[in-house]
Amino acid sequence: MYDVIVVGGGAAGLSGALALVRARRSVLVVDRGDPRNAPADGVHNFLTRDGTPPAELTALGRAEVTGYGGEVITGTVTSARPTGDAEIGFEVELTDGRTFQARRLLVTTGVTDQLPDVPGLAERFGRDVLHCPYCHGWEVRDQAIGVLQTGPMAIHQVMLFRQLSDDVTLFLHEGPEPTEQQWEELAARGISVVQGEVEAVETTDDRLTGVRLRGGRVIARQALVVQTSLRARARFLDELGLKAGDREIRGVVIGTAVDAGPGGTTDVPGVWVAGNVTEPMAQVISAAAAGLAAGAGINAELVAEDTRRAVAARSS
């Protein structure tokens, strides 16, 4: 039995675990080993670690956690449930049947990106099929960039990427027709607009080279920006009564997330969340900061609980 089980071993989970093990808490991190940012060459906007390969950053974090006595295992949590024992709190079960118990849970399982249904996108996602100018924008600066419109956020995306290149094209695809003001803004910024449905992306020598429209016309591009639907990895929380709900930004549903209060608290006492599972748009450095805040909050809560038990034991 552990003080805390951390479900998810990315930046948020390892940062929370590090805070807890440094506070001399017993911690188990369970990570299934398929991080969202695995295809990316590097993590960006992480001060002093800009450009570090994601796997390297994870390995460094794991080493720090285990160096203070924490445990990290590979596995997938399929369920989490209350034990009915006030001193233990929760039990988690893995796909291989193993079970572990803890006084508190920190859930940092992140999100998955659901891509538009266009052949070729999935294979190139995180390389030259992109979604975030802050994660990948510098790497495609001055290139021929396309933006695939599948929803209202595409206009926002195309303007952000226009900051990085003079050669930006908006593919209207299946998205809504721009408003009169948006047409004016696109023209003013020199952004070309292509009507018609995108059929596939084309590659040569493992590099994106173009966007093919239905009918066969190919527009040469070196990078393509898409809007993904961000889905929280949280189904194993159903037994606890925690469910991911729709999350909106600027009135647009961007996916699902688990609601959290200050510091990562949830509606279930003893269960905390941090990182993309509750803030889908958080980058690696902000996910790490949220994990630290949650870890510190959990430790403070455990200190208060330990104190109450000590007082009760002394009085008995």
C-alpha atoms as a PDB file:
ATOM      1  CA  MET A   1       0.000   0.000   0.000  1.00  0.00           C
ATOM      2  CA  TYR A   2       1.300   3.402  -1.024  1.00  0.00           C
ATOM      3  CA  ASP A   3       0.645   6.930   0.089  1.00  0.00           C
ATOM      4  CA  VAL A   4      -0.048   7.906  -3.526  1.00  0.00           C
ATOM      5  CA  ILE A   5      -0.498   6.118  -6.823  1.00  0.00           C
ATOM      6  CA  VAL A   6       0.168   8.318  -9.847  1.00  0.00           C
ATOM      7  CA  VAL A   7      -1.601   7.056 -12.965  1.00  0.00           C
ATOM      8  CA  GLY A   8       0.302   8.388 -15.957  1.00  0.00           C
ATOM      9  CA  GLY A   9       4.045   8.967 -16.214  1.00  0.00           C
ATOM     10  CA  GLY A  10       4.394  12.047 -18.386  1.00  0.00           C
ATOM     11  CA  ALA A  11       5.533  15.496 -17.310  1.00  0.00           C
ATOM     12  CA  ALA A  12       2.576  16.082 -14.994  1.00  0.00           C
ATOM     13  CA  GLY A  13       2.724  12.682 -13.339  1.00  0.00           C
ATOM     14  CA  LEU A  14       6.477  12.597 -12.832  1.00  0.00           C
ATOM     15  CA  SER A  15       6.526  16.174 -11.565  1.00  0.00           C
ATOM     16  CA  GLY A  16       3.810  15.376  -9.019  1.00  0.00           C
ATOM     17  CA  ALA A  17       5.607  12.169  -8.033  1.00  0.00           C
ATOM     18  CA  LEU A  18       8.873  14.049  -7.578  1.00  0.00           C
ATOM     19  CA  ALA A  19       7.284  16.528  -5.183  1.00  0.00           C
ATOM     20  CA  LEU A  20       5.773  13.669  -3.204  1.00  0.00           C
ATOM     21  CA  VAL A  21       8.866  11.484  -2.937  1.00  0.00           C
ATOM     22  CA  ARG A  22      10.913  14.494  -1.861  1.00  0.00           C
ATOM     23  CA  ALA A  23       8.338  14.894   0.911  1.00  0.00           C
ATOM     24  CA  ARG A  24       9.146  11.274   1.879  1.00  0.00           C
ATOM     25  CA  ARG A  25       5.884   9.843   0.604  1.00  0.00           C
ATOM     26  CA  SER A  26       5.698   6.328  -0.799  1.00  0.00           C
ATOM     27  CA  VAL A  27       4.729   6.686  -4.452  1.00  0.00           C
ATOM     28  CA  LEU A  28       3.967   4.302  -7.296  1.00  0.00           C
ATOM     29  CA  VAL A  29       3.821   5.664 -10.857  1.00  0.00           C
ATOM     30  CA  VAL A  30       1.940   3.496 -13.362  1.00  0.00           C
ATOM     31  CA  ASP A  31       2.552   4.436 -16.978  1.00  0.00           C
ATOM     32  CA  ARG A  32       1.450   2.591 -20.105  1.00  0.00           C
ATOM     33  CA  GLY A  33       4.322   3.931 -22.183  1.00  0.00           C
ATOM     34  CA  ASP A  34       2.618   5.584 -25.155  1.00  0.00           C
ATOM     35  CA  PRO A  35       2.882   9.334 -24.588  1.00  0.00           C
ATOM     36  CA  ARG A  36       0.988  11.703 -26.835  1.00  0.00           C
ATOM     37  CA  ASN A  37       4.172  13.510 -27.876  1.00  0.00           C
ATOM     38  CA  ALA A  38       6.126  10.366 -28.813  1.00  0.00           C
ATOM     39  CA  PRO A  39       6.301  11.217 -32.577  1.00  0.00           C
ATOM     40  CA  ALA A  40       7.744  14.690 -31.920  1.00  0.00           C
ATOM     41  CA  ASP A  41      11.468  15.330 -32.343  1.00  0.00           C
ATOM     42  CA  GLY A  42      11.624  17.509 -29.259  1.00  0.00           C
ATOM     43  CA  VAL A  43       9.792  19.211 -26.421  1.00  0.00           C
ATOM     44  CA  HIS A  44       9.621  22.980 -26.883  1.00  0.00           C
ATOM     45  CA  ASN A  45       9.049  26.045 -24.705  1.00  0.00           C
ATOM     46  CA  PHE A  46      10.377  24.096 -21.707  1.00  0.00           C
ATOM     47  CA  LEU A  47      12.959  26.475 -20.258  1.00  0.00           C
ATOM     48  CA  THR A  48      16.486  24.947 -20.245  1.00  0.00           C
ATOM     49  CA  ARG A  49      15.146  21.794 -21.968  1.00  0.00           C
ATOM     50  CA  ASP A  50      13.961  23.208 -25.296  1.00  0.00           C
ATOM     51  CA  GLY A  51      14.390  20.617 -28.028  1.00  0.00           C
ATOM     52  CA  THR A  52      14.902  17.675 -25.673  1.00  0.00           C
ATOM     53  CA  PRO A  53      13.456  14.487 -27.187  1.00  0.00           C
ATOM     54  CA  PRO A  54      10.297  13.466 -25.281  1.00  0.00           C
ATOM     55  CA  ALA A  55      11.670  10.026 -24.405  1.00  0.00           C
ATOM     56  CA  GLU A  56      14.830  11.587 -22.982  1.00  0.00           C
ATOM     57  CA  LEU A  57      12.843  14.008 -20.815  1.00  0.00           C
ATOM     58  CA  THR A  58      10.733  11.112 -19.514  1.00  0.00           C
ATOM     59  CA  ALA A  59      13.811   9.028 -18.751  1.00  0.00           C
ATOM     60  CA  LEU A  60      15.367  11.915 -16.826  1.00  0.00           C
ATOM     61  CA  GLY A  61      12.159  12.388 -14.847  1.00  0.00           C
ATOM     62  CA  ARG A  62      11.880   8.699 -14.023  1.00  0.00           C
ATOM     63  CA  ALA A  63      15.468   8.638 -12.807  1.00  0.00           C
ATOM     64  CA  GLU A  64      14.816  11.570 -10.501  1.00  0.00           C
ATOM     65  CA  VAL A  65      11.674   9.976  -9.041  1.00  0.00           C
ATOM     66  CA  THR A  66      13.274   6.586  -8.487  1.00  0.00           C
ATOM     67  CA  GLY A  67      16.399   8.273  -7.121  1.00  0.00           C
ATOM     68  CA  TYR A  68      14.321   9.491  -4.185  1.00  0.00           C
ATOM     69  CA  GLY A  69      12.760   6.077  -3.619  1.00  0.00           C
ATOM     70  CA  GLY A  70       9.687   6.245  -5.855  1.00  0.00           C
ATOM     71  CA  GLU A  71       8.635   3.285  -7.961  1.00  0.00           C
ATOM     72  CA  VAL A  72       7.755   3.403 -11.668  1.00  0.00           C
ATOM     73  CA  ILE A  73       6.159   0.464 -13.482  1.00  0.00           C
ATOM     74  CA  THR A  74       4.811  -0.068 -16.985  1.00  0.00           C
ATOM     75  CA  GLY A  75       1.134  -0.966 -17.117  1.00  0.00           C
ATOM     76  CA  THR A  76      -2.353   0.191 -17.987  1.00  0.00           C
ATOM     77  CA  VAL A  77      -4.871   0.936 -15.260  1.00  0.00           C
ATOM     78  CA  THR A  78      -8.290  -0.412 -16.206  1.00  0.00           C
ATOM     79  CA  SER A  79     -10.236   0.520 -13.064  1.00  0.00           C
ATOM     80  CA  ALA A  80      -9.965   2.557  -9.904  1.00  0.00           C
ATOM     81  CA  ARG A  81     -12.326   2.066  -6.999  1.00  0.00           C
ATOM     82  CA  PRO A  82     -12.726   3.044  -3.359  1.00  0.00           C
ATOM     83  CA  THR A  83     -11.763   0.339  -0.887  1.00  0.00           C
ATOM     84  CA  GLY A  84     -14.247   1.295   1.809  1.00  0.00           C
ATOM     85  CA  ASP A  85     -11.300   1.508   4.218  1.00  0.00           C
ATOM     86  CA  ALA A  86     -10.669   5.058   5.410  1.00  0.00           C
ATOM     87  CA  GLU A  87      -6.988   4.340   5.974  1.00  0.00           C
ATOM     88  CA  ILE A  88      -6.340   2.948   2.500  1.00  0.00           C
ATOM     89  CA  GLY A  89      -8.684   4.843   0.225  1.00  0.00           C
ATOM     90  CA  PHE A  90      -8.323   3.410  -3.275  1.00  0.00           C
ATOM     91  CA  GLU A  91      -7.418   0.351  -5.271  1.00  0.00           C
ATOM     92  CA  VAL A  92      -6.353   0.305  -8.901  1.00  0.00           C
ATOM     93  CA  GLU A  93      -6.315  -2.710 -11.186  1.00  0.00           C
ATOM     94  CA  LEU A  94      -4.103  -3.187 -14.234  1.00  0.00           C
ATOM     95  CA  THR A  95      -4.832  -5.070 -17.443  1.00  0.00           C
ATOM     96  CA  ASP A  96      -2.617  -7.933 -16.281  1.00  0.00           C
ATOM     97  CA  GLY A  97      -4.640  -8.377 -13.083  1.00  0.00           C
ATOM     98  CA  ARG A  98      -2.221  -6.745 -10.681  1.00  0.00           C
ATOM     99  CA  THR A  99      -3.809  -4.536  -8.028  1.00  0.00           C
ATOM    100  CA  PHE A 100      -2.303  -1.787  -5.895  1.00  0.00           C
ATOM    101  CA  GLN A 101      -3.708   0.306  -3.077  1.00  0.00           C
ATOM    102  CA  ALA A 102      -3.060   3.874  -1.985  1.00  0.00           C
ATOM    103  CA  ARG A 103      -4.381   6.597   0.259  1.00  0.00           C
ATOM    104  CA  ARG A 104      -4.609   9.065  -2.629  1.00  0.00           C
ATOM    105  CA  LEU A 105      -4.710   8.991  -6.433  1.00  0.00           C
ATOM    106  CA  LEU A 106      -3.129  11.474  -8.822  1.00  0.00           C
ATOM    107  CA  VAL A 107      -4.421  11.012 -12.377  1.00  0.00           C
ATOM    108  CA  THR A 108      -2.216  12.423 -15.145  1.00  0.00           C
ATOM    109  CA  THR A 109      -3.162  10.203 -18.074  1.00  0.00           C
ATOM    110  CA  GLY A 110      -3.383  13.001 -20.643  1.00  0.00           C
ATOM    111  CA  VAL A 111      -5.372  12.948 -23.868  1.00  0.00           C
ATOM    112  CA  THR A 112      -5.401  11.285 -27.249  1.00  0.00           C
ATOM    113  CA  ASP A 113      -5.626  13.259 -30.478  1.00  0.00           C
ATOM    114  CA  GLN A 114      -8.431  12.252 -32.810  1.00  0.00           C
ATOM    115  CA  LEU A 115      -7.447  13.398 -36.280  1.00  0.00           C
ATOM    116  CA  PRO A 116      -9.670  14.409 -39.200  1.00  0.00           C
ATOM    117  CA  ASP A 117     -10.556  11.458 -41.414  1.00  0.00           C
ATOM    118  CA  VAL A 118      -8.067  12.154 -44.183  1.00  0.00           C
ATOM    119  CA  PRO A 119      -5.733   9.378 -45.394  1.00  0.00           C
ATOM    120  CA  GLY A 120      -2.109   9.923 -44.489  1.00  0.00           C
ATOM    121  CA  LEU A 121      -2.556  12.315 -41.577  1.00  0.00           C
ATOM    122  CA  ALA A 122      -2.048   9.817 -38.757  1.00  0.00           C
ATOM    123  CA  GLU A 123       1.261   8.532 -40.112  1.00  0.00           C
ATOM    124  CA  ARG A 124       2.709  12.045 -40.254  1.00  0.00           C
ATOM    125  CA  PHE A 125       1.201  13.528 -37.084  1.00  0.00           C
ATOM    126  CA  GLY A 126       3.778  15.167 -34.862  1.00  0.00           C
ATOM    127  CA  ARG A 127       6.271  15.469 -37.720  1.00  0.00           C
ATOM    128  CA  ASP A 128       4.951  17.535 -40.642  1.00  0.00           C
ATOM    129  CA  VAL A 129       1.250  17.206 -39.809  1.00  0.00           C
ATOM    130  CA  LEU A 130       0.941  19.587 -36.899  1.00  0.00           C
ATOM    131  CA  HIS A 131      -1.593  21.161 -34.572  1.00  0.00           C
ATOM    132  CA  CYS A 132       0.194  23.738 -32.387  1.00  0.00           C
ATOM    133  CA  PRO A 133       2.342  26.716 -33.443  1.00  0.00           C
ATOM    134  CA  TYR A 134       4.049  26.816 -30.057  1.00  0.00           C
ATOM    135  CA  CYS A 135       4.966  23.123 -30.150  1.00  0.00           C
ATOM    136  CA  HIS A 136       6.137  22.944 -33.772  1.00  0.00           C
ATOM    137  CA  GLY A 137       5.929  26.379 -35.384  1.00  0.00           C
ATOM    138  CA  TRP A 138       9.585  27.350 -35.353  1.00  0.00           C
ATOM    139  CA  GLU A 139      10.496  24.059 -36.987  1.00  0.00           C
ATOM    140  CA  VAL A 140       8.336  24.860 -40.062  1.00  0.00           C
ATOM    141  CA  ARG A 141       9.144  28.570 -40.281  1.00  0.00           C
ATOM    142  CA  ASP A 142       9.352  29.934 -43.822  1.00  0.00           C
ATOM    143  CA  GLN A 143       8.014  26.690 -45.268  1.00  0.00           C
ATOM    144  CA  ALA A 144       4.927  26.203 -47.444  1.00  0.00           C
ATOM    145  CA  ILE A 145       2.300  25.579 -44.767  1.00  0.00           C
ATOM    146  CA  GLY A 146      -1.284  24.425 -45.235  1.00  0.00           C
ATOM    147  CA  VAL A 147      -4.079  24.645 -42.683  1.00  0.00           C
ATOM    148  CA  LEU A 148      -6.919  22.131 -42.963  1.00  0.00           C
ATOM    149  CA  GLN A 149     -10.235  23.632 -41.941  1.00  0.00           C
ATOM    150  CA  THR A 150     -12.544  21.234 -40.114  1.00  0.00           C
ATOM    151  CA  GLY A 151     -14.052  23.705 -37.669  1.00  0.00           C
ATOM    152  CA  PRO A 152     -14.126  27.322 -36.494  1.00  0.00           C
ATOM    153  CA  MET A 153     -10.638  27.174 -34.918  1.00  0.00           C
ATOM    154  CA  ALA A 154      -8.958  26.956 -38.330  1.00  0.00           C
ATOM    155  CA  ILE A 155      -9.078  30.712 -38.873  1.00  0.00           C
ATOM    156  CA  HIS A 156      -7.330  31.218 -35.535  1.00  0.00           C
ATOM    157  CA  GLN A 157      -4.733  28.591 -36.464  1.00  0.00           C
ATOM    158  CA  VAL A 158      -4.034  30.037 -39.898  1.00  0.00           C
ATOM    159  CA  MET A 159      -3.378  33.474 -38.426  1.00  0.00           C
ATOM    160  CA  LEU A 160      -0.954  32.048 -35.878  1.00  0.00           C
ATOM    161  CA  PHE A 161       0.994  30.147 -38.528  1.00  0.00           C
ATOM    162  CA  ARG A 162       1.008  33.199 -40.799  1.00  0.00           C
ATOM    163  CA  GLN A 163       3.314  34.725 -38.181  1.00  0.00           C
ATOM    164  CA  LEU A 164       5.835  32.003 -39.064  1.00  0.00           C
ATOM    165  CA  SER A 165       5.704  31.959 -42.856  1.00  0.00           C
ATOM    166  CA  ASP A 166       4.713  34.147 -45.795  1.00  0.00           C
ATOM    167  CA  ASP A 167       3.444  31.069 -47.676  1.00  0.00           C
ATOM    168  CA  VAL A 168       0.307  29.878 -45.889  1.00  0.00           C
ATOM    169  CA  THR A 169      -2.755  28.316 -47.514  1.00  0.00           C
ATOM    170  CA  LEU A 170      -6.140  27.640 -45.927  1.00  0.00           C
ATOM    171  CA  PHE A 171      -7.902  24.524 -47.247  1.00  0.00           C
ATOM    172  CA  LEU A 172     -11.618  25.019 -46.611  1.00  0.00           C
ATOM    173  CA  HIS A 173     -12.209  21.239 -46.884  1.00  0.00           C
ATOM    174  CA  GLU A 174     -15.401  20.480 -44.908  1.00  0.00           C
ATOM    175  CA  GLY A 175     -15.233  23.478 -42.593  1.00  0.00           C
ATOM    176  CA  PRO A 176     -17.592  26.449 -42.445  1.00  0.00           C
ATOM    177  CA  GLU A 177     -17.406  29.238 -45.004  1.00  0.00           C
ATOM    178  CA  PRO A 178     -15.407  32.199 -43.653  1.00  0.00           C
ATOM    179  CA  THR A 179     -17.397  35.264 -42.708  1.00  0.00           C
ATOM    180  CA  GLU A 180     -17.088  38.456 -44.732  1.00  0.00           C
ATOM    181  CA  GLN A 181     -14.724  39.897 -42.120  1.00  0.00           C
ATOM    182  CA  GLN A 182     -12.616  36.722 -42.128  1.00  0.00           C
ATOM    183  CA  TRP A 183     -12.322  36.809 -45.923  1.00  0.00           C
ATOM    184  CA  GLU A 184     -11.051  40.376 -45.618  1.00  0.00           C
ATOM    185  CA  GLU A 185      -8.535  39.401 -42.925  1.00  0.00           C
ATOM    186  CA  LEU A 186      -7.266  36.442 -44.954  1.00  0.00           C
ATOM    187  CA  ALA A 187      -6.766  38.642 -47.996  1.00  0.00           C
ATOM    188  CA  ALA A 188      -5.051  41.352 -45.972  1.00  0.00           C
ATOM    189  CA  ARG A 189      -2.550  38.853 -44.596  1.00  0.00           C
ATOM    190  CA  GLY A 190      -1.849  37.333 -47.997  1.00  0.00           C
ATOM    191  CA  ILE A 191      -3.248  33.920 -47.051  1.00  0.00           C
ATOM    192  CA  SER A 192      -4.430  31.945 -50.067  1.00  0.00           C
ATOM    193  CA  VAL A 193      -7.662  29.969 -49.793  1.00  0.00           C
ATOM    194  CA  VAL A 194      -8.408  26.702 -51.598  1.00  0.00           C
ATOM    195  CA  GLN A 195     -11.980  25.490 -52.042  1.00  0.00           C
ATOM    196  CA  GLY A 196     -12.813  21.800 -52.208  1.00  0.00           C
ATOM    197  CA  GLU A 197     -12.499  18.668 -50.135  1.00  0.00           C
ATOM    198  CA  VAL A 198      -9.053  17.349 -49.263  1.00  0.00           C
ATOM    199  CA  GLU A 199      -8.723  13.709 -50.258  1.00  0.00           C
ATOM    200  CA  ALA A 200      -5.260  12.817 -48.905  1.00  0.00           C
ATOM    201  CA  VAL A 201      -1.762  14.068 -48.210  1.00  0.00           C
ATOM    202  CA  GLU A 202       1.129  13.097 -50.456  1.00  0.00           C
ATOM    203  CA  THR A 203       4.669  12.218 -49.416  1.00  0.00           C
ATOM    204  CA  THR A 204       8.024  11.643 -51.065  1.00  0.00           C
ATOM    205  CA  ASP A 205      11.012  10.065 -49.284  1.00  0.00           C
ATOM    206  CA  ASP A 206       9.133  10.175 -45.958  1.00  0.00           C
ATOM    207  CA  ARG A 207       8.384  13.893 -46.224  1.00  0.00           C
ATOM    208  CA  LEU A 208       5.061  15.599 -46.827  1.00  0.00           C
ATOM    209  CA  THR A 209       5.074  17.173 -50.272  1.00  0.00           C
ATOM    210  CA  GLY A 210       1.481  18.091 -51.036  1.00  0.00           C
ATOM    211  CA  VAL A 211      -2.221  18.084 -50.336  1.00  0.00           C
ATOM    212  CA  ARG A 212      -4.414  16.271 -52.860  1.00  0.00           C
ATOM    213  CA  LEU A 213      -7.946  17.523 -53.448  1.00  0.00           C
ATOM    214  CA  ARG A 214     -10.827  15.344 -54.536  1.00  0.00           C
ATOM    215  CA  GLY A 215     -10.534  15.272 -58.292  1.00  0.00           C
ATOM    216  CA  GLY A 216      -6.761  14.909 -58.270  1.00  0.00           C
ATOM    217  CA  ARG A 217      -5.405  18.449 -58.019  1.00  0.00           C
ATOM    218  CA  VAL A 218      -2.316  18.606 -55.778  1.00  0.00           C
ATOM    219  CA  ILE A 219      -1.230  21.719 -53.919  1.00  0.00           C
ATOM    220  CA  ALA A 220       2.444  21.594 -52.926  1.00  0.00           C
ATOM    221  CA  ARG A 221       2.921  21.953 -49.169  1.00  0.00           C
ATOM    222  CA  GLN A 222       5.707  21.070 -46.743  1.00  0.00           C
ATOM    223  CA  ALA A 223       3.595  21.052 -43.576  1.00  0.00           C
ATOM    224  CA  LEU A 224      -0.112  20.719 -42.831  1.00  0.00           C
ATOM    225  CA  VAL A 225      -1.854  22.038 -39.738  1.00  0.00           C
ATOM    226  CA  VAL A 226      -4.942  20.254 -38.431  1.00  0.00           C
ATOM    227  CA  GLN A 227      -7.343  20.642 -35.535  1.00  0.00           C
ATOM    228  CA  THR A 228      -7.555  17.484 -33.469  1.00  0.00           C
ATOM    229  CA  SER A 229     -10.259  16.465 -31.037  1.00  0.00           C
ATOM    230  CA  LEU A 230      -8.603  16.006 -27.636  1.00  0.00           C
ATOM    231  CA  ARG A 231     -10.113  13.080 -25.734  1.00  0.00           C
ATOM    232  CA  ALA A 232      -9.249  12.578 -22.066  1.00  0.00           C
ATOM    233  CA  ARG A 233      -7.832   9.174 -21.143  1.00  0.00           C
ATOM    234  CA  ALA A 234     -10.091   8.737 -18.156  1.00  0.00           C
ATOM    235  CA  ARG A 235     -12.571   5.918 -18.679  1.00  0.00           C
ATOM    236  CA  PHE A 236     -11.042   3.934 -15.823  1.00  0.00           C
ATOM    237  CA  LEU A 237     -12.392   6.611 -13.459  1.00  0.00           C
ATOM    238  CA  ASP A 238     -16.023   5.710 -14.203  1.00  0.00           C
ATOM    239  CA  GLU A 239     -16.269   3.470 -11.134  1.00  0.00           C
ATOM    240  CA  LEU A 240     -15.309   6.448  -8.974  1.00  0.00           C
ATOM    241  CA  GLY A 241     -18.032   8.576 -10.552  1.00  0.00           C
ATOM    242  CA  LEU A 242     -15.594  10.827 -12.402  1.00  0.00           C
ATOM    243  CA  LYS A 243     -16.368  11.319 -16.078  1.00  0.00           C
ATOM    244  CA  ALA A 244     -14.779  13.502 -18.699  1.00  0.00           C
ATOM    245  CA  GLY A 245     -17.083  16.125 -20.136  1.00  0.00           C
ATOM    246  CA  ASP A 246     -16.919  18.489 -23.101  1.00  0.00           C
ATOM    247  CA  ARG A 247     -14.360  21.271 -22.856  1.00  0.00           C
ATOM    248  CA  GLU A 248     -14.760  24.522 -24.772  1.00  0.00           C
ATOM    249  CA  ILE A 249     -12.360  27.253 -25.794  1.00  0.00           C
ATOM    250  CA  ARG A 250     -13.761  30.449 -27.292  1.00  0.00           C
ATOM    251  CA  GLY A 251     -17.132  28.751 -27.504  1.00  0.00           C
ATOM    252  CA  VAL A 252     -15.759  25.830 -29.538  1.00  0.00           C
ATOM    253  CA  VAL A 253     -15.730  22.284 -28.168  1.00  0.00           C
ATOM    254  CA  ILE A 254     -12.127  21.079 -28.454  1.00  0.00           C
ATOM    255  CA  GLY A 255     -12.628  17.677 -26.810  1.00  0.00           C
ATOM    256  CA  THR A 256     -13.170  16.233 -23.358  1.00  0.00           C
ATOM    257  CA  ALA A 257     -11.537  16.732 -19.969  1.00  0.00           C
ATOM    258  CA  VAL A 258     -12.009  15.913 -16.296  1.00  0.00           C
ATOM    259  CA  ASP A 259     -13.118  18.964 -14.337  1.00  0.00           C
ATOM    260  CA  ALA A 260     -10.795  20.063 -11.551  1.00  0.00           C
ATOM    261  CA  GLY A 261     -10.820  22.565  -8.741  1.00  0.00           C
ATOM    262  CA  PRO A 262      -7.893  24.541  -7.304  1.00  0.00           C
ATOM    263  CA  GLY A 263      -4.625  22.630  -7.424  1.00  0.00           C
ATOM    264  CA  GLY A 264      -6.165  19.672  -9.229  1.00  0.00           C
ATOM    265  CA  THR A 265      -8.802  18.557  -6.731  1.00  0.00           C
ATOM    266  CA  THR A 266     -11.847  16.717  -8.088  1.00  0.00           C
ATOM    267  CA  ASP A 267     -15.382  16.030  -6.922  1.00  0.00           C
ATOM    268  CA  VAL A 268     -14.131  12.743  -5.464  1.00  0.00           C
ATOM    269  CA  PRO A 269     -12.207  13.381  -2.221  1.00  0.00           C
ATOM    270  CA  GLY A 270      -8.734  11.918  -2.454  1.00  0.00           C
ATOM    271  CA  VAL A 271      -8.566  11.922  -6.257  1.00  0.00           C
ATOM    272  CA  TRP A 272      -6.538  14.643  -7.949  1.00  0.00           C
ATOM    273  CA  VAL A 273      -5.873  15.381 -11.637  1.00  0.00           C
ATOM    274  CA  ALA A 274      -3.169  17.327 -13.452  1.00  0.00           C
ATOM    275  CA  GLY A 275      -1.936  17.942 -16.974  1.00  0.00           C
ATOM    276  CA  ASN A 276      -3.792  17.406 -20.238  1.00  0.00           C
ATOM    277  CA  VAL A 277      -6.432  15.115 -18.712  1.00  0.00           C
ATOM    278  CA  THR A 278      -7.928  18.251 -17.145  1.00  0.00           C
ATOM    279  CA  GLU A 279      -6.276  21.009 -19.251  1.00  0.00           C
ATOM    280  CA  PRO A 280      -6.191  19.655 -22.822  1.00  0.00           C
ATOM    281  CA  MET A 281      -4.286  22.628 -24.235  1.00  0.00           C
ATOM    282  CA  ALA A 282      -1.530  22.607 -21.596  1.00  0.00           C
ATOM    283  CA  GLN A 283       1.996  22.303 -22.939  1.00  0.00           C
ATOM    284  CA  VAL A 284       4.651  20.151 -21.292  1.00  0.00           C
ATOM    285  CA  ILE A 285       6.021  22.829 -18.980  1.00  0.00           C
ATOM    286  CA  SER A 286       2.580  23.884 -17.747  1.00  0.00           C
ATOM    287  CA  ALA A 287       1.582  20.236 -17.268  1.00  0.00           C
ATOM    288  CA  ALA A 288       4.710  19.746 -15.165  1.00  0.00           C
ATOM    289  CA  ALA A 289       3.826  22.821 -13.092  1.00  0.00           C
ATOM    290  CA  ALA A 290       0.294  21.495 -12.540  1.00  0.00           C
ATOM    291  CA  GLY A 291       1.712  18.148 -11.436  1.00  0.00           C
ATOM    292  CA  LEU A 292       3.939  19.880  -8.901  1.00  0.00           C
ATOM    293  CA  ALA A 293       0.989  21.855  -7.526  1.00  0.00           C
ATOM    294  CA  ALA A 294      -1.117  18.706  -7.223  1.00  0.00           C
ATOM    295  CA  GLY A 295       1.700  16.775  -5.550  1.00  0.00           C
ATOM    296  CA  ALA A 296       2.193  19.530  -2.988  1.00  0.00           C
ATOM    297  CA  GLY A 297      -1.551  19.688  -2.353  1.00  0.00           C
ATOM    298  CA  ILE A 298      -1.778  15.941  -1.837  1.00  0.00           C
ATOM    299  CA  ASN A 299       1.122  15.986   0.608  1.00  0.00           C
ATOM    300  CA  ALA A 300      -0.460  18.822   2.604  1.00  0.00           C
ATOM    301  CA  GLU A 301      -3.711  16.877   2.772  1.00  0.00           C
ATOM    302  CA  LEU A 302      -1.888  13.749   3.951  1.00  0.00           C
ATOM    303  CA  VAL A 303       0.018  15.744   6.578  1.00  0.00           C
ATOM    304  CA  ALA A 304      -3.298  17.024   7.957  1.00  0.00           C
ATOM    305  CA  GLU A 305      -4.698  13.485   7.975  1.00  0.00           C
ATOM    306  CA  ASP A 306      -1.589  12.092   9.682  1.00  0.00           C
ATOM    307  CA  THR A 307      -1.860  14.808  12.320  1.00  0.00           C
ATOM    308  CA  ARG A 308      -5.523  14.020  13.020  1.00  0.00           C
ATOM    309  CA  ARG A 309      -4.690  10.347  13.430  1.00  0.00           C
ATOM    310  CA  ALA A 310      -1.782  11.154  15.743  1.00  0.00           C
ATOM    311  CA  VAL A 311      -3.993  13.331  17.927  1.00  0.00           C
ATOM    312  CA  ALA A 312      -6.672  10.644  18.067  1.00  0.00           C
ATOM    313  CA  ALA A 313      -4.104   7.961  18.959  1.00  0.00           C
ATOM    314  CA  ARG A 314      -2.605  10.135  21.696  1.00  0.00           C
ATOM    315  CA  SER A 315      -6.030  10.781  23.175  1.00  0.00           C
ATOM    316  CA  SER A 316      -7.111   7.148  23.218  1.00  0.00           C
END
